[in-house]
Amino acid sequence: MSFSESWRTAKPVSEFDQPRPPKSPVLTWLRAWWPALLWAVLISVLSTDSFSSDNTSPFIEPIFRWLFPHISQDTVELLHHIVRKCAHFTEYFVFSLLLYHGIRGTHRDDRPWHWSWALVAWLIAAVYSVIDEVHQIFVPSRGPSAWDSLLDSTGALFALVVLFFLYRRYLRNRPS
């Protein structure tokens, strides 16, 4: 920099020093909610005819026969049933966490845990579970089950309880 250019600043202005334009509310909403929406679509796909008990048994039952060669047919069917029920629990466990993430991401509150957010996430998951079971009325190889809906809602509630204890532990151990 020469003497004639003394008006120039010696330090170049970084793009990070510039004020950022406000974030679009639509982009903020999509960033927070796309995982939950995608998971809801996955749940709907899993409740179609393609994932009925008759269509999953050719994949699941041979695995049990390979792991346990001397297993009886009744035990194989029981294990297949347990795997399917664990899938219900797990898919709504994950769904509830993603719903909580979406709710938390659209609020301007810095707190990681809020009971009202958890309640709303659980209610959305429970209602979606009922809608999913009603959808299965119209799928020939599937049938609605209040027990499945209860299992789904329990998985969602359990996820939020686990999340509460994780946040509680995190907040306790956080340096002040």
N, C-alpha and C. Protein backbone atom coordinates (compact mmCIF):
# COMPACT_ATOMS: atom_id res chain seq x y z
N MET A 1 0.85 -1.16 0.00
CA MET A 1 0.00 0.00 0.00
C MET A 1 0.90 1.23 0.00
N SER A 2 0.75 2.06 -0.97
CA SER A 2 1.58 3.25 -1.07
C SER A 2 0.97 4.40 -0.28
N PHE A 3 1.76 5.45 -0.14
CA PHE A 3 1.33 6.62 0.61
C PHE A 3 0.12 7.27 -0.06
N SER A 4 0.05 7.19 -1.36
CA SER A 4 -1.07 7.80 -2.08
C SER A 4 -2.39 7.06 -1.87
N GLU A 5 -2.29 5.84 -1.37
CA GLU A 5 -3.49 5.05 -1.13
C GLU A 5 -3.77 4.90 0.36
N SER A 6 -3.50 5.92 1.12
CA SER A 6 -3.69 5.82 2.56
C SER A 6 -5.16 5.72 2.96
N TRP A 7 -6.06 6.04 2.10
CA TRP A 7 -7.48 5.93 2.39
C TRP A 7 -7.94 4.48 2.46
N ARG A 8 -7.15 3.57 1.88
CA ARG A 8 -7.51 2.15 1.91
C ARG A 8 -7.20 1.58 3.28
N THR A 9 -8.02 0.67 3.70
CA THR A 9 -7.76 0.00 4.97
C THR A 9 -6.74 -1.08 4.75
N ALA A 10 -5.91 -1.27 5.73
CA ALA A 10 -4.87 -2.29 5.64
C ALA A 10 -5.48 -3.68 5.78
N LYS A 11 -6.57 -3.78 6.50
CA LYS A 11 -7.20 -5.08 6.73
C LYS A 11 -8.38 -5.25 5.77
N PRO A 12 -8.35 -6.29 4.95
CA PRO A 12 -9.49 -6.50 4.07
C PRO A 12 -10.74 -6.89 4.88
N VAL A 13 -11.88 -6.48 4.42
CA VAL A 13 -13.14 -6.78 5.11
C VAL A 13 -13.55 -8.20 4.74
N SER A 14 -13.77 -8.97 5.74
CA SER A 14 -14.16 -10.36 5.54
C SER A 14 -15.66 -10.45 5.32
N GLU A 15 -16.07 -11.46 4.62
CA GLU A 15 -17.52 -11.67 4.44
C GLU A 15 -18.18 -12.02 5.76
N PHE A 16 -17.40 -12.52 6.72
CA PHE A 16 -17.96 -12.86 8.02
C PHE A 16 -18.21 -11.62 8.89
N ASP A 17 -17.53 -10.51 8.55
CA ASP A 17 -17.71 -9.28 9.30
C ASP A 17 -18.98 -8.55 8.88
N GLN A 18 -19.52 -8.91 7.73
CA GLN A 18 -20.70 -8.24 7.21
C GLN A 18 -21.94 -8.73 7.96
N PRO A 19 -22.90 -7.85 8.21
CA PRO A 19 -24.14 -8.31 8.85
C PRO A 19 -24.88 -9.27 7.93
N ARG A 20 -25.41 -10.32 8.52
CA ARG A 20 -26.14 -11.32 7.74
C ARG A 20 -27.59 -10.88 7.56
N PRO A 21 -28.12 -11.18 6.40
CA PRO A 21 -29.55 -10.90 6.23
C PRO A 21 -30.36 -11.85 7.13
N PRO A 22 -31.53 -11.44 7.55
CA PRO A 22 -32.32 -12.33 8.42
C PRO A 22 -32.66 -13.63 7.69
N LYS A 23 -32.71 -14.70 8.47
CA LYS A 23 -33.02 -15.99 7.89
C LYS A 23 -34.48 -16.03 7.47
N SER A 24 -34.72 -16.71 6.39
CA SER A 24 -36.09 -16.88 5.91
C SER A 24 -36.84 -17.80 6.86
N PRO A 25 -38.05 -17.41 7.27
CA PRO A 25 -38.81 -18.30 8.17
C PRO A 25 -39.14 -19.64 7.52
N VAL A 26 -39.32 -19.63 6.23
CA VAL A 26 -39.63 -20.89 5.53
C VAL A 26 -38.42 -21.82 5.58
N LEU A 27 -37.23 -21.27 5.32
CA LEU A 27 -36.02 -22.10 5.37
C LEU A 27 -35.74 -22.59 6.79
N THR A 28 -35.99 -21.74 7.77
CA THR A 28 -35.81 -22.15 9.16
C THR A 28 -36.76 -23.29 9.50
N TRP A 29 -38.00 -23.17 9.07
CA TRP A 29 -39.00 -24.20 9.33
C TRP A 29 -38.62 -25.50 8.64
N LEU A 30 -38.23 -25.42 7.37
CA LEU A 30 -37.86 -26.63 6.63
C LEU A 30 -36.64 -27.30 7.24
N ARG A 31 -35.66 -26.50 7.65
CA ARG A 31 -34.46 -27.07 8.25
C ARG A 31 -34.79 -27.84 9.53
N ALA A 32 -35.75 -27.34 10.28
CA ALA A 32 -36.13 -27.99 11.54
C ALA A 32 -37.03 -29.20 11.31
N TRP A 33 -37.89 -29.15 10.32
CA TRP A 33 -38.94 -30.16 10.19
C TRP A 33 -38.71 -31.22 9.12
N TRP A 34 -37.76 -31.05 8.20
CA TRP A 34 -37.64 -32.03 7.12
C TRP A 34 -37.35 -33.44 7.63
N PRO A 35 -36.54 -33.64 8.69
CA PRO A 35 -36.32 -35.02 9.13
C PRO A 35 -37.62 -35.69 9.62
N ALA A 36 -38.44 -34.96 10.37
CA ALA A 36 -39.69 -35.53 10.88
C ALA A 36 -40.66 -35.82 9.73
N LEU A 37 -40.72 -34.92 8.76
CA LEU A 37 -41.60 -35.14 7.61
C LEU A 37 -41.16 -36.36 6.80
N LEU A 38 -39.87 -36.48 6.60
CA LEU A 38 -39.34 -37.62 5.86
C LEU A 38 -39.61 -38.93 6.61
N TRP A 39 -39.46 -38.89 7.94
CA TRP A 39 -39.71 -40.08 8.75
C TRP A 39 -41.20 -40.45 8.72
N ALA A 40 -42.08 -39.45 8.70
CA ALA A 40 -43.52 -39.71 8.61
C ALA A 40 -43.85 -40.41 7.29
N VAL A 41 -43.19 -40.00 6.23
CA VAL A 41 -43.39 -40.67 4.94
C VAL A 41 -42.90 -42.11 5.02
N LEU A 42 -41.76 -42.33 5.66
CA LEU A 42 -41.24 -43.68 5.83
C LEU A 42 -42.22 -44.55 6.62
N ILE A 43 -42.79 -44.02 7.68
CA ILE A 43 -43.77 -44.76 8.47
C ILE A 43 -44.96 -45.14 7.59
N SER A 44 -45.41 -44.21 6.77
CA SER A 44 -46.54 -44.50 5.88
C SER A 44 -46.20 -45.58 4.86
N VAL A 45 -44.98 -45.55 4.36
CA VAL A 45 -44.56 -46.59 3.41
C VAL A 45 -44.48 -47.95 4.10
N LEU A 46 -44.00 -47.95 5.34
CA LEU A 46 -43.88 -49.22 6.07
C LEU A 46 -45.24 -49.82 6.45
N SER A 47 -46.30 -49.03 6.38
CA SER A 47 -47.61 -49.57 6.70
C SER A 47 -48.41 -49.95 5.45
N THR A 48 -47.72 -50.11 4.34
CA THR A 48 -48.37 -50.57 3.11
C THR A 48 -48.32 -52.10 3.04
N ASP A 49 -48.90 -52.62 1.99
CA ASP A 49 -48.93 -54.07 1.78
C ASP A 49 -47.53 -54.66 1.65
N SER A 50 -46.60 -53.89 1.10
CA SER A 50 -45.24 -54.39 0.89
C SER A 50 -44.55 -54.81 2.18
N PHE A 51 -44.96 -54.24 3.31
CA PHE A 51 -44.33 -54.55 4.58
C PHE A 51 -45.29 -55.27 5.53
N SER A 52 -46.25 -55.98 4.97
CA SER A 52 -47.15 -56.78 5.80
C SER A 52 -46.38 -57.99 6.34
N SER A 53 -46.98 -58.66 7.27
CA SER A 53 -46.33 -59.82 7.89
C SER A 53 -46.00 -60.90 6.85
N ASP A 54 -46.91 -61.10 5.91
CA ASP A 54 -46.67 -62.11 4.87
C ASP A 54 -45.49 -61.74 3.98
N ASN A 55 -45.27 -60.45 3.80
CA ASN A 55 -44.18 -60.03 2.92
C ASN A 55 -42.85 -59.84 3.64
N THR A 56 -42.86 -59.72 4.96
CA THR A 56 -41.59 -59.62 5.68
C THR A 56 -41.09 -60.97 6.16
N SER A 57 -41.98 -61.94 6.29
CA SER A 57 -41.55 -63.26 6.78
C SER A 57 -40.51 -63.94 5.88
N PRO A 58 -40.56 -63.81 4.55
CA PRO A 58 -39.51 -64.44 3.74
C PRO A 58 -38.11 -63.87 3.99
N PHE A 59 -38.03 -62.69 4.58
CA PHE A 59 -36.73 -62.09 4.87
C PHE A 59 -36.28 -62.34 6.31
N ILE A 60 -37.23 -62.22 7.24
CA ILE A 60 -36.89 -62.30 8.66
C ILE A 60 -36.75 -63.74 9.13
N GLU A 61 -37.68 -64.59 8.74
CA GLU A 61 -37.66 -65.98 9.24
C GLU A 61 -36.41 -66.75 8.84
N PRO A 62 -35.90 -66.63 7.62
CA PRO A 62 -34.66 -67.35 7.29
C PRO A 62 -33.47 -66.92 8.14
N ILE A 63 -33.46 -65.67 8.57
CA ILE A 63 -32.37 -65.21 9.43
C ILE A 63 -32.40 -65.97 10.76
N PHE A 64 -33.61 -66.13 11.32
CA PHE A 64 -33.72 -66.88 12.58
C PHE A 64 -33.37 -68.35 12.38
N ARG A 65 -33.74 -68.90 11.25
CA ARG A 65 -33.41 -70.31 10.99
C ARG A 65 -31.90 -70.50 10.81
N TRP A 66 -31.25 -69.49 10.25
CA TRP A 66 -29.81 -69.56 10.08
C TRP A 66 -29.10 -69.40 11.43
N LEU A 67 -29.59 -68.45 12.26
CA LEU A 67 -28.97 -68.24 13.57
C LEU A 67 -29.23 -69.41 14.52
N PHE A 68 -30.42 -69.96 14.45
CA PHE A 68 -30.83 -71.05 15.35
C PHE A 68 -31.37 -72.21 14.51
N PRO A 69 -30.52 -73.09 14.02
CA PRO A 69 -30.93 -74.15 13.08
C PRO A 69 -32.02 -75.09 13.63
N HIS A 70 -32.07 -75.30 14.93
CA HIS A 70 -33.02 -76.28 15.48
C HIS A 70 -34.27 -75.62 16.05
N ILE A 71 -34.58 -74.44 15.61
CA ILE A 71 -35.71 -73.68 16.14
C ILE A 71 -37.02 -74.21 15.54
N SER A 72 -38.06 -74.22 16.34
CA SER A 72 -39.37 -74.69 15.85
C SER A 72 -40.07 -73.58 15.05
N GLN A 73 -41.03 -73.99 14.25
CA GLN A 73 -41.78 -73.04 13.43
C GLN A 73 -42.56 -72.07 14.32
N ASP A 74 -43.12 -72.55 15.43
CA ASP A 74 -43.86 -71.67 16.35
C ASP A 74 -42.94 -70.59 16.92
N THR A 75 -41.73 -70.97 17.26
CA THR A 75 -40.78 -70.00 17.82
C THR A 75 -40.35 -68.99 16.76
N VAL A 76 -40.16 -69.45 15.54
CA VAL A 76 -39.82 -68.54 14.44
C VAL A 76 -40.93 -67.51 14.25
N GLU A 77 -42.17 -67.97 14.27
CA GLU A 77 -43.30 -67.05 14.10
C GLU A 77 -43.40 -66.07 15.27
N LEU A 78 -43.13 -66.55 16.47
CA LEU A 78 -43.14 -65.67 17.63
C LEU A 78 -42.05 -64.60 17.52
N LEU A 79 -40.85 -65.02 17.13
CA LEU A 79 -39.75 -64.07 16.98
C LEU A 79 -40.03 -63.05 15.87
N HIS A 80 -40.65 -63.52 14.80
CA HIS A 80 -41.03 -62.63 13.71
C HIS A 80 -42.03 -61.58 14.22
N HIS A 81 -42.97 -62.02 15.02
CA HIS A 81 -43.96 -61.11 15.61
C HIS A 81 -43.27 -60.09 16.53
N ILE A 82 -42.33 -60.55 17.33
CA ILE A 82 -41.61 -59.65 18.25
C ILE A 82 -40.79 -58.63 17.47
N VAL A 83 -40.14 -59.04 16.40
CA VAL A 83 -39.37 -58.11 15.57
C VAL A 83 -40.28 -57.04 14.99
N ARG A 84 -41.46 -57.45 14.53
CA ARG A 84 -42.39 -56.47 13.96
C ARG A 84 -42.88 -55.49 15.01
N LYS A 85 -43.13 -55.97 16.23
CA LYS A 85 -43.59 -55.06 17.29
C LYS A 85 -42.46 -54.14 17.76
N CYS A 86 -41.24 -54.64 17.77
CA CYS A 86 -40.08 -53.79 18.09
C CYS A 86 -39.91 -52.71 17.02
N ALA A 87 -40.24 -53.03 15.78
CA ALA A 87 -40.17 -52.04 14.71
C ALA A 87 -41.18 -50.92 14.96
N HIS A 88 -42.39 -51.27 15.40
CA HIS A 88 -43.38 -50.25 15.74
C HIS A 88 -42.81 -49.31 16.81
N PHE A 89 -42.32 -49.88 17.88
CA PHE A 89 -41.79 -49.11 19.00
C PHE A 89 -40.65 -48.21 18.53
N THR A 90 -39.73 -48.77 17.75
CA THR A 90 -38.54 -48.04 17.32
C THR A 90 -38.87 -46.92 16.34
N GLU A 91 -39.76 -47.19 15.40
CA GLU A 91 -40.04 -46.14 14.41
C GLU A 91 -40.73 -44.93 15.06
N TYR A 92 -41.54 -45.15 16.07
CA TYR A 92 -42.17 -44.02 16.75
C TYR A 92 -41.26 -43.40 17.81
N PHE A 93 -40.32 -44.16 18.32
CA PHE A 93 -39.27 -43.61 19.19
C PHE A 93 -38.50 -42.55 18.41
N VAL A 94 -38.03 -42.93 17.22
CA VAL A 94 -37.27 -42.01 16.37
C VAL A 94 -38.16 -40.84 15.92
N PHE A 95 -39.39 -41.14 15.54
CA PHE A 95 -40.31 -40.10 15.08
C PHE A 95 -40.52 -39.04 16.16
N SER A 96 -40.68 -39.45 17.38
CA SER A 96 -40.88 -38.52 18.47
C SER A 96 -39.67 -37.61 18.68
N LEU A 97 -38.48 -38.18 18.59
CA LEU A 97 -37.26 -37.37 18.71
C LEU A 97 -37.18 -36.34 17.57
N LEU A 98 -37.54 -36.76 16.37
CA LEU A 98 -37.50 -35.84 15.24
C LEU A 98 -38.57 -34.76 15.35
N LEU A 99 -39.73 -35.12 15.89
CA LEU A 99 -40.77 -34.12 16.13
C LEU A 99 -40.30 -33.09 17.15
N TYR A 100 -39.68 -33.58 18.22
CA TYR A 100 -39.18 -32.66 19.24
C TYR A 100 -38.13 -31.72 18.64
N HIS A 101 -37.27 -32.28 17.81
CA HIS A 101 -36.26 -31.46 17.12
C HIS A 101 -36.93 -30.38 16.26
N GLY A 102 -37.99 -30.75 15.56
CA GLY A 102 -38.69 -29.78 14.72
C GLY A 102 -39.34 -28.68 15.55
N ILE A 103 -39.97 -29.07 16.63
CA ILE A 103 -40.61 -28.08 17.49
C ILE A 103 -39.56 -27.16 18.11
N ARG A 104 -38.51 -27.73 18.61
CA ARG A 104 -37.44 -26.94 19.25
C ARG A 104 -36.78 -26.00 18.24
N GLY A 105 -36.60 -26.48 17.01
CA GLY A 105 -35.94 -25.69 15.99
C GLY A 105 -36.74 -24.51 15.49
N THR A 106 -38.04 -24.50 15.70
CA THR A 106 -38.86 -23.39 15.23
C THR A 106 -39.16 -22.38 16.33
N HIS A 107 -38.67 -22.62 17.54
CA HIS A 107 -38.85 -21.66 18.63
C HIS A 107 -37.56 -20.88 18.84
N ARG A 108 -37.70 -19.67 19.34
CA ARG A 108 -36.53 -18.82 19.57
C ARG A 108 -36.00 -18.95 20.99
N ASP A 109 -36.40 -19.98 21.66
CA ASP A 109 -35.99 -20.22 23.04
C ASP A 109 -34.69 -21.01 23.02
N ASP A 110 -33.72 -20.62 23.85
CA ASP A 110 -32.42 -21.30 23.88
C ASP A 110 -32.42 -22.54 24.76
N ARG A 111 -33.49 -22.73 25.52
CA ARG A 111 -33.53 -23.89 26.40
C ARG A 111 -33.59 -25.18 25.57
N PRO A 112 -32.82 -26.19 25.93
CA PRO A 112 -32.88 -27.44 25.16
C PRO A 112 -34.12 -28.27 25.48
N TRP A 113 -34.68 -28.11 26.67
CA TRP A 113 -35.83 -28.93 27.06
C TRP A 113 -36.97 -28.04 27.51
N HIS A 114 -38.15 -28.41 27.06
CA HIS A 114 -39.35 -27.72 27.49
C HIS A 114 -40.48 -28.75 27.50
N TRP A 115 -41.17 -28.86 28.62
CA TRP A 115 -42.22 -29.87 28.75
C TRP A 115 -43.33 -29.71 27.73
N SER A 116 -43.69 -28.48 27.43
CA SER A 116 -44.78 -28.28 26.46
C SER A 116 -44.37 -28.77 25.07
N TRP A 117 -43.10 -28.59 24.71
CA TRP A 117 -42.64 -29.12 23.42
C TRP A 117 -42.72 -30.64 23.40
N ALA A 118 -42.34 -31.26 24.50
CA ALA A 118 -42.40 -32.72 24.58
C ALA A 118 -43.84 -33.21 24.48
N LEU A 119 -44.75 -32.52 25.15
CA LEU A 119 -46.15 -32.91 25.10
C LEU A 119 -46.70 -32.79 23.68
N VAL A 120 -46.36 -31.72 23.00
CA VAL A 120 -46.83 -31.54 21.62
C VAL A 120 -46.23 -32.61 20.71
N ALA A 121 -44.95 -32.90 20.87
CA ALA A 121 -44.31 -33.95 20.06
C ALA A 121 -44.98 -35.29 20.29
N TRP A 122 -45.27 -35.60 21.57
CA TRP A 122 -45.92 -36.87 21.87
C TRP A 122 -47.33 -36.92 21.29
N LEU A 123 -48.07 -35.84 21.40
CA LEU A 123 -49.44 -35.81 20.86
C LEU A 123 -49.44 -35.96 19.34
N ILE A 124 -48.52 -35.31 18.66
CA ILE A 124 -48.43 -35.45 17.20
C ILE A 124 -48.13 -36.91 16.85
N ALA A 125 -47.18 -37.52 17.55
CA ALA A 125 -46.83 -38.92 17.27
C ALA A 125 -48.01 -39.84 17.54
N ALA A 126 -48.73 -39.61 18.65
CA ALA A 126 -49.87 -40.45 18.99
C ALA A 126 -50.99 -40.32 17.96
N VAL A 127 -51.27 -39.09 17.55
CA VAL A 127 -52.32 -38.88 16.53
C VAL A 127 -51.90 -39.50 15.21
N TYR A 128 -50.63 -39.35 14.85
CA TYR A 128 -50.15 -39.95 13.60
C TYR A 128 -50.25 -41.47 13.66
N SER A 129 -50.02 -42.02 14.83
CA SER A 129 -50.14 -43.46 15.01
C SER A 129 -51.58 -43.92 14.77
N VAL A 130 -52.53 -43.18 15.29
CA VAL A 130 -53.94 -43.53 15.07
C VAL A 130 -54.29 -43.40 13.59
N ILE A 131 -53.83 -42.33 12.96
CA ILE A 131 -54.09 -42.14 11.52
C ILE A 131 -53.47 -43.28 10.72
N ASP A 132 -52.28 -43.71 11.11
CA ASP A 132 -51.60 -44.81 10.43
C ASP A 132 -52.41 -46.11 10.56
N GLU A 133 -52.95 -46.35 11.74
CA GLU A 133 -53.77 -47.56 11.93
C GLU A 133 -55.08 -47.47 11.15
N VAL A 134 -55.67 -46.30 11.07
CA VAL A 134 -56.89 -46.12 10.27
C VAL A 134 -56.56 -46.36 8.80
N HIS A 135 -55.40 -45.89 8.36
CA HIS A 135 -54.96 -46.13 6.98
C HIS A 135 -54.90 -47.63 6.67
N GLN A 136 -54.51 -48.42 7.67
CA GLN A 136 -54.36 -49.85 7.45
C GLN A 136 -55.70 -50.57 7.27
N ILE A 137 -56.81 -49.91 7.58
CA ILE A 137 -58.13 -50.48 7.29
C ILE A 137 -58.27 -50.70 5.79
N PHE A 138 -57.69 -49.82 5.00
CA PHE A 138 -57.84 -49.85 3.55
C PHE A 138 -56.76 -50.66 2.84
N VAL A 139 -55.85 -51.26 3.60
CA VAL A 139 -54.81 -52.11 3.02
C VAL A 139 -55.24 -53.56 3.23
N PRO A 140 -55.47 -54.30 2.13
CA PRO A 140 -56.04 -55.65 2.26
C PRO A 140 -55.26 -56.60 3.17
N SER A 141 -53.93 -56.54 3.14
CA SER A 141 -53.14 -57.49 3.91
C SER A 141 -52.83 -56.99 5.32
N ARG A 142 -53.32 -55.82 5.65
CA ARG A 142 -53.06 -55.24 6.97
C ARG A 142 -54.39 -55.03 7.68
N GLY A 143 -54.30 -54.78 8.96
CA GLY A 143 -55.50 -54.49 9.73
C GLY A 143 -55.18 -53.51 10.83
N PRO A 144 -56.16 -52.72 11.22
CA PRO A 144 -55.90 -51.76 12.29
C PRO A 144 -55.80 -52.46 13.63
N SER A 145 -55.00 -51.90 14.51
CA SER A 145 -54.85 -52.48 15.84
C SER A 145 -54.65 -51.35 16.85
N ALA A 146 -55.55 -51.28 17.81
CA ALA A 146 -55.40 -50.30 18.88
C ALA A 146 -54.13 -50.60 19.69
N TRP A 147 -53.77 -51.89 19.79
CA TRP A 147 -52.56 -52.26 20.52
C TRP A 147 -51.31 -51.73 19.83
N ASP A 148 -51.31 -51.78 18.50
CA ASP A 148 -50.16 -51.23 17.76
C ASP A 148 -50.07 -49.72 17.97
N SER A 149 -51.20 -49.06 17.96
CA SER A 149 -51.21 -47.62 18.20
C SER A 149 -50.72 -47.30 19.62
N LEU A 150 -51.13 -48.10 20.58
CA LEU A 150 -50.66 -47.92 21.95
C LEU A 150 -49.15 -48.17 22.04
N LEU A 151 -48.66 -49.18 21.34
CA LEU A 151 -47.23 -49.47 21.32
C LEU A 151 -46.45 -48.32 20.66
N ASP A 152 -47.00 -47.78 19.57
CA ASP A 152 -46.36 -46.65 18.90
C ASP A 152 -46.28 -45.45 19.84
N SER A 153 -47.38 -45.15 20.51
CA SER A 153 -47.43 -44.01 21.42
C SER A 153 -46.50 -44.21 22.61
N THR A 154 -46.38 -45.44 23.05
CA THR A 154 -45.46 -45.75 24.15
C THR A 154 -44.01 -45.53 23.70
N GLY A 155 -43.68 -45.95 22.50
CA GLY A 155 -42.33 -45.72 21.96
C GLY A 155 -42.03 -44.23 21.87
N ALA A 156 -43.01 -43.44 21.44
CA ALA A 156 -42.82 -41.99 21.36
C ALA A 156 -42.62 -41.38 22.74
N LEU A 157 -43.42 -41.82 23.71
CA LEU A 157 -43.30 -41.29 25.07
C LEU A 157 -41.96 -41.69 25.68
N PHE A 158 -41.56 -42.93 25.48
CA PHE A 158 -40.29 -43.40 26.01
C PHE A 158 -39.12 -42.58 25.45
N ALA A 159 -39.18 -42.23 24.18
CA ALA A 159 -38.12 -41.42 23.57
C ALA A 159 -38.01 -40.07 24.26
N LEU A 160 -39.15 -39.48 24.58
CA LEU A 160 -39.12 -38.16 25.22
C LEU A 160 -38.63 -38.25 26.66
N VAL A 161 -38.95 -39.34 27.33
CA VAL A 161 -38.43 -39.54 28.70
C VAL A 161 -36.91 -39.69 28.65
N VAL A 162 -36.42 -40.49 27.71
CA VAL A 162 -34.97 -40.65 27.55
C VAL A 162 -34.32 -39.30 27.23
N LEU A 163 -34.94 -38.55 26.34
CA LEU A 163 -34.40 -37.24 25.97
C LEU A 163 -34.38 -36.30 27.17
N PHE A 164 -35.42 -36.34 27.99
CA PHE A 164 -35.46 -35.51 29.19
C PHE A 164 -34.28 -35.82 30.11
N PHE A 165 -34.05 -37.11 30.35
CA PHE A 165 -32.94 -37.48 31.24
C PHE A 165 -31.58 -37.16 30.63
N LEU A 166 -31.46 -37.27 29.32
CA LEU A 166 -30.20 -36.88 28.68
C LEU A 166 -29.97 -35.37 28.81
N TYR A 167 -30.99 -34.58 28.55
CA TYR A 167 -30.85 -33.13 28.71
C TYR A 167 -30.59 -32.76 30.17
N ARG A 168 -31.25 -33.44 31.06
CA ARG A 168 -31.06 -33.15 32.48
C ARG A 168 -29.61 -33.42 32.89
N ARG A 169 -29.08 -34.54 32.42
CA ARG A 169 -27.69 -34.87 32.72
C ARG A 169 -26.75 -33.86 32.07
N TYR A 170 -27.03 -33.50 30.83
CA TYR A 170 -26.21 -32.53 30.12
C TYR A 170 -26.24 -31.18 30.82
N LEU A 171 -27.41 -30.74 31.24
CA LEU A 171 -27.51 -29.43 31.88
C LEU A 171 -26.85 -29.40 33.24
N ARG A 172 -26.90 -30.52 33.95
CA ARG A 172 -26.25 -30.59 35.27
C ARG A 172 -24.74 -30.53 35.16
N ASN A 173 -24.20 -31.19 34.15
CA ASN A 173 -22.74 -31.28 34.00
C ASN A 173 -22.16 -30.13 33.20
N ARG A 174 -22.99 -29.22 32.74
CA ARG A 174 -22.50 -28.10 31.94
C ARG A 174 -21.82 -27.08 32.85
N PRO A 175 -20.64 -26.63 32.48
CA PRO A 175 -19.96 -25.63 33.32
C PRO A 175 -20.74 -24.31 33.29
N SER A 176 -20.75 -23.64 34.42
CA SER A 176 -21.51 -22.38 34.54
C SER A 176 -20.78 -21.22 33.92
